[in-house]
């Protein structure tokens, strides 16, 4: 998949295009359904398939005090968009100047003239342009005038849950990672590097990894059954995400214990991907370190039981 980081990078002869515009945070099942149709229609019409997204997330510019933590930071989002079969993604740098673009101008100049849209595919709640005054009805009107069609998708629901980035984010914050998986269509994961503080040096030979501080979305405080991918190898694991109240820590940490551990080479730059499979319990302050050790042993037993009983497909990240 080609990635354009500015409108000026898109070749003048790129189109005509079948496209969708959105933040695509999480690239969840509703996004996947829309983009699959974008790809299908582009093949059918001999056009290019394109996603248009924004960096940073618009709320980080317009309302930074309430900006959400991301389900998928940009590198991960681009990987997931590429997996849909899209030919290209345009990452528009979001700024206050871009936010002032009137809806008509965005539709006519960017989608119509610059990207040569033939079709624009959007969810029913899509809004765009200055103060989000543009909606799918206005987009359809501008499309008639400019020369592109608009396909509108109704809200997708799975067992009563709306499939949306905000709902996925809410479920993850509650620690409901198994439910979030159903909306995402995959296991939620985060990518980081080993954190400092355990003196591992160049080679890491103990089965516990502290992750470096991670600024985006982490599931709610608690203990989880996880899988940990290091250097292309996956380990069964148990992970604590939280403040380690037994030790009266003030900083948030993600600490992972590898169950099927063997010594591996691990440096401060090694990429570690952590997959959250199932929540075991909330975070608890124990009366003693010994009581904590006993609980950890119990958590490990439950995790091993989970891995023994889970269907093979359920363990795939």
Foldseek 3Di string as FASTA:
>chain_A
DAEAAALVPQDQPQWDAEEEEDQCQLVWPVVLVQQLVRQVVCVVVVTAYEYEHEPPDQCCAVPVVPDAFTLAPPVRSVVSSVVSVHPYYYYHYDHVVQLQFAPLCCLQVVNCNSNPYAEYEEEQADFDHHVSPRGQVVSQVSCVVRHHHYHYDYFDDDPRHTLDRVSLLVCQQQVVQQVSCVGRVHFRKDKFAFDDDPPCPFWRFAQKTKTHDDDGDGGHFAKFFKWKAWPNDIFTWIWGWAQQVLVPGDDTIIMIGGDPDGTDGGDRPTMMMMTGQGGDDHDDHDPHVVVVVVVVVVVVVVSVVCVVPPPPVSPDD
